[in-house]
């Protein structure tokens, strides 16, 4: 009649959650991405102004999206959910982002027509 703790935890494999090692790894990845952003903002952009207009903003956007992915996937536990739940969250967000981009492009067209 002895119940071992390993048997109880083995049944909950789908809710494995975060271990300290995984939290530290994700923290170091987020820290590394943030350091890269700071190096670009404080060292590269002031010394090369043309780099800021062509490459800095797209790099910031990609790095920020990578940080958002890690935060949502690991700290909000979306990585450990079923794929159908993940798709039901991600797909509408992608459509909303696409709509915002299309509307922004359209607004620039209407602004140039008014001039």
C-alpha atoms as a PDB file:
ATOM      1  CA  UNK A   1       0.000   0.000   0.000  1.00  0.00           C
ATOM      2  CA  UNK A   2       2.937   2.322  -0.329  1.00  0.00           C
ATOM      3  CA  UNK A   3       2.614   4.874  -3.054  1.00  0.00           C
ATOM      4  CA  UNK A   4       5.897   6.097  -4.396  1.00  0.00           C
ATOM      5  CA  UNK A   5       6.110   9.743  -5.416  1.00  0.00           C
ATOM      6  CA  UNK A   6       7.664   8.806  -8.754  1.00  0.00           C
ATOM      7  CA  UNK A   7       4.535   6.927  -9.798  1.00  0.00           C
ATOM      8  CA  UNK A   8       2.323   9.913  -9.082  1.00  0.00           C
ATOM      9  CA  UNK A   9       4.528  12.291 -11.075  1.00  0.00           C
ATOM     10  CA  UNK A  10       4.978   9.857 -13.958  1.00  0.00           C
ATOM     11  CA  UNK A  11       1.259  10.010 -14.755  1.00  0.00           C
ATOM     12  CA  UNK A  12       1.404  13.760 -15.307  1.00  0.00           C
ATOM     13  CA  UNK A  13       3.935  13.760 -18.150  1.00  0.00           C
ATOM     14  CA  UNK A  14       1.867  16.165 -20.228  1.00  0.00           C
ATOM     15  CA  UNK A  15       2.042  18.773 -17.450  1.00  0.00           C
ATOM     16  CA  UNK A  16       5.777  18.552 -17.022  1.00  0.00           C
ATOM     17  CA  UNK A  17       6.178  22.294 -16.552  1.00  0.00           C
ATOM     18  CA  UNK A  18       9.432  24.113 -16.062  1.00  0.00           C
ATOM     19  CA  UNK A  19      12.480  22.800 -14.274  1.00  0.00           C
ATOM     20  CA  UNK A  20      15.124  25.088 -12.844  1.00  0.00           C
ATOM     21  CA  UNK A  21      17.522  24.125 -15.615  1.00  0.00           C
ATOM     22  CA  UNK A  22      14.961  25.007 -18.300  1.00  0.00           C
ATOM     23  CA  UNK A  23      14.081  28.303 -16.588  1.00  0.00           C
ATOM     24  CA  UNK A  24      17.766  29.216 -16.412  1.00  0.00           C
ATOM     25  CA  UNK A  25      18.265  28.315 -20.070  1.00  0.00           C
ATOM     26  CA  UNK A  26      15.296  30.441 -21.195  1.00  0.00           C
ATOM     27  CA  UNK A  27      16.461  33.293 -18.944  1.00  0.00           C
ATOM     28  CA  UNK A  28      19.937  33.198 -20.490  1.00  0.00           C
ATOM     29  CA  UNK A  29      18.468  33.180 -24.009  1.00  0.00           C
ATOM     30  CA  UNK A  30      16.293  36.206 -23.170  1.00  0.00           C
ATOM     31  CA  UNK A  31      19.285  37.923 -21.559  1.00  0.00           C
ATOM     32  CA  UNK A  32      21.408  37.244 -24.643  1.00  0.00           C
ATOM     33  CA  UNK A  33      18.773  38.651 -26.989  1.00  0.00           C
ATOM     34  CA  UNK A  34      18.427  41.748 -24.808  1.00  0.00           C
ATOM     35  CA  UNK A  35      22.216  42.224 -24.757  1.00  0.00           C
ATOM     36  CA  UNK A  36      22.299  42.023 -28.560  1.00  0.00           C
ATOM     37  CA  UNK A  37      19.570  44.677 -28.738  1.00  0.00           C
ATOM     38  CA  UNK A  38      21.497  46.946 -26.373  1.00  0.00           C
ATOM     39  CA  UNK A  39      24.737  46.490 -28.324  1.00  0.00           C
ATOM     40  CA  UNK A  40      22.971  47.430 -31.540  1.00  0.00           C
ATOM     41  CA  UNK A  41      21.228  50.419 -29.949  1.00  0.00           C
ATOM     42  CA  UNK A  42      24.157  51.810 -27.978  1.00  0.00           C
ATOM     43  CA  UNK A  43      27.222  50.879 -30.015  1.00  0.00           C
ATOM     44  CA  UNK A  44      26.406  50.167 -33.641  1.00  0.00           C
ATOM     45  CA  UNK A  45      23.617  52.644 -34.442  1.00  0.00           C
ATOM     46  CA  UNK A  46      25.414  55.781 -33.142  1.00  0.00           C
ATOM     47  CA  UNK A  47      28.578  54.955 -35.072  1.00  0.00           C
ATOM     48  CA  UNK A  48      26.802  53.975 -38.327  1.00  0.00           C
ATOM     49  CA  UNK A  49      23.687  56.160 -38.866  1.00  0.00           C
ATOM     50  CA  UNK A  50      22.836  54.586 -42.236  1.00  0.00           C
ATOM     51  CA  UNK A  51      22.677  51.162 -40.548  1.00  0.00           C
ATOM     52  CA  UNK A  52      19.903  52.450 -38.288  1.00  0.00           C
ATOM     53  CA  UNK A  53      17.595  53.270 -41.164  1.00  0.00           C
ATOM     54  CA  UNK A  54      18.130  50.114 -43.169  1.00  0.00           C
ATOM     55  CA  UNK A  55      18.818  47.239 -40.772  1.00  0.00           C
ATOM     56  CA  UNK A  56      18.388  48.221 -37.125  1.00  0.00           C
ATOM     57  CA  UNK A  57      14.597  48.397 -36.987  1.00  0.00           C
ATOM     58  CA  UNK A  58      13.989  45.053 -38.751  1.00  0.00           C
ATOM     59  CA  UNK A  59      16.579  43.437 -36.465  1.00  0.00           C
ATOM     60  CA  UNK A  60      14.828  44.921 -33.403  1.00  0.00           C
ATOM     61  CA  UNK A  61      11.492  43.570 -34.612  1.00  0.00           C
ATOM     62  CA  UNK A  62      12.847  40.061 -35.187  1.00  0.00           C
ATOM     63  CA  UNK A  63      14.637  39.987 -31.826  1.00  0.00           C
ATOM     64  CA  UNK A  64      11.562  41.288 -30.022  1.00  0.00           C
ATOM     65  CA  UNK A  65       9.396  38.639 -31.667  1.00  0.00           C
ATOM     66  CA  UNK A  66      11.918  35.994 -30.589  1.00  0.00           C
ATOM     67  CA  UNK A  67      11.720  37.250 -27.002  1.00  0.00           C
ATOM     68  CA  UNK A  68       7.922  37.275 -27.174  1.00  0.00           C
ATOM     69  CA  UNK A  69       7.988  33.676 -28.420  1.00  0.00           C
ATOM     70  CA  UNK A  70      10.133  32.513 -25.508  1.00  0.00           C
ATOM     71  CA  UNK A  71       8.017  34.369 -22.951  1.00  0.00           C
ATOM     72  CA  UNK A  72       4.728  33.031 -24.311  1.00  0.00           C
ATOM     73  CA  UNK A  73       6.018  29.515 -24.966  1.00  0.00           C
ATOM     74  CA  UNK A  74       7.795  28.865 -21.700  1.00  0.00           C
ATOM     75  CA  UNK A  75       6.624  31.290 -19.029  1.00  0.00           C
ATOM     76  CA  UNK A  76       2.987  31.283 -20.138  1.00  0.00           C
ATOM     77  CA  UNK A  77       3.250  27.499 -20.736  1.00  0.00           C
ATOM     78  CA  UNK A  78       1.861  27.613 -24.281  1.00  0.00           C
ATOM     79  CA  UNK A  79       4.581  25.203 -25.421  1.00  0.00           C
ATOM     80  CA  UNK A  80       3.145  22.546 -23.131  1.00  0.00           C
ATOM     81  CA  UNK A  81      -0.428  22.831 -24.444  1.00  0.00           C
ATOM     82  CA  UNK A  82      -2.123  20.794 -27.144  1.00  0.00           C
ATOM     83  CA  UNK A  83      -1.458  21.882 -30.743  1.00  0.00           C
ATOM     84  CA  UNK A  84      -5.102  22.756 -31.391  1.00  0.00           C
ATOM     85  CA  UNK A  85      -5.055  25.309 -28.569  1.00  0.00           C
ATOM     86  CA  UNK A  86      -1.785  26.738 -29.840  1.00  0.00           C
ATOM     87  CA  UNK A  87      -3.168  27.117 -33.375  1.00  0.00           C
ATOM     88  CA  UNK A  88      -6.389  28.664 -32.093  1.00  0.00           C
ATOM     89  CA  UNK A  89      -4.310  31.389 -30.453  1.00  0.00           C
ATOM     90  CA  UNK A  90      -1.528  31.876 -33.012  1.00  0.00           C
ATOM     91  CA  UNK A  91      -3.536  31.892 -36.260  1.00  0.00           C
ATOM     92  CA  UNK A  92      -5.895  34.764 -35.300  1.00  0.00           C
ATOM     93  CA  UNK A  93      -2.923  36.786 -34.036  1.00  0.00           C
ATOM     94  CA  UNK A  94      -1.175  36.315 -37.390  1.00  0.00           C
ATOM     95  CA  UNK A  95      -4.313  37.434 -39.237  1.00  0.00           C
ATOM     96  CA  UNK A  96      -4.585  40.512 -36.999  1.00  0.00           C
ATOM     97  CA  UNK A  97      -0.927  41.391 -37.624  1.00  0.00           C
ATOM     98  CA  UNK A  98      -1.497  40.980 -41.363  1.00  0.00           C
ATOM     99  CA  UNK A  99      -4.579  43.187 -41.190  1.00  0.00           C
ATOM    100  CA  UNK A 100      -2.624  45.881 -39.348  1.00  0.00           C
ATOM    101  CA  UNK A 101       0.118  45.767 -42.000  1.00  0.00           C
ATOM    102  CA  UNK A 102      -2.396  46.000 -44.849  1.00  0.00           C
ATOM    103  CA  UNK A 103      -4.263  48.878 -43.187  1.00  0.00           C
ATOM    104  CA  UNK A 104      -0.997  50.716 -42.523  1.00  0.00           C
ATOM    105  CA  UNK A 105      -0.021  50.373 -46.162  1.00  0.00           C
ATOM    106  CA  UNK A 106      -3.489  51.536 -47.241  1.00  0.00           C
ATOM    107  CA  UNK A 107      -3.328  54.557 -44.935  1.00  0.00           C
ATOM    108  CA  UNK A 108      -0.057  55.650 -46.540  1.00  0.00           C
ATOM    109  CA  UNK A 109      -1.750  55.427 -49.918  1.00  0.00           C
ATOM    110  CA  UNK A 110      -4.616  57.682 -48.773  1.00  0.00           C
ATOM    111  CA  UNK A 111      -2.188  60.173 -47.230  1.00  0.00           C
ATOM    112  CA  UNK A 112      -0.297  60.497 -50.512  1.00  0.00           C
ATOM    113  CA  UNK A 113      -3.582  61.010 -52.401  1.00  0.00           C
ATOM    114  CA  UNK A 114      -4.490  63.957 -50.174  1.00  0.00           C
ATOM    115  CA  UNK A 115      -1.230  65.784 -50.918  1.00  0.00           C
END
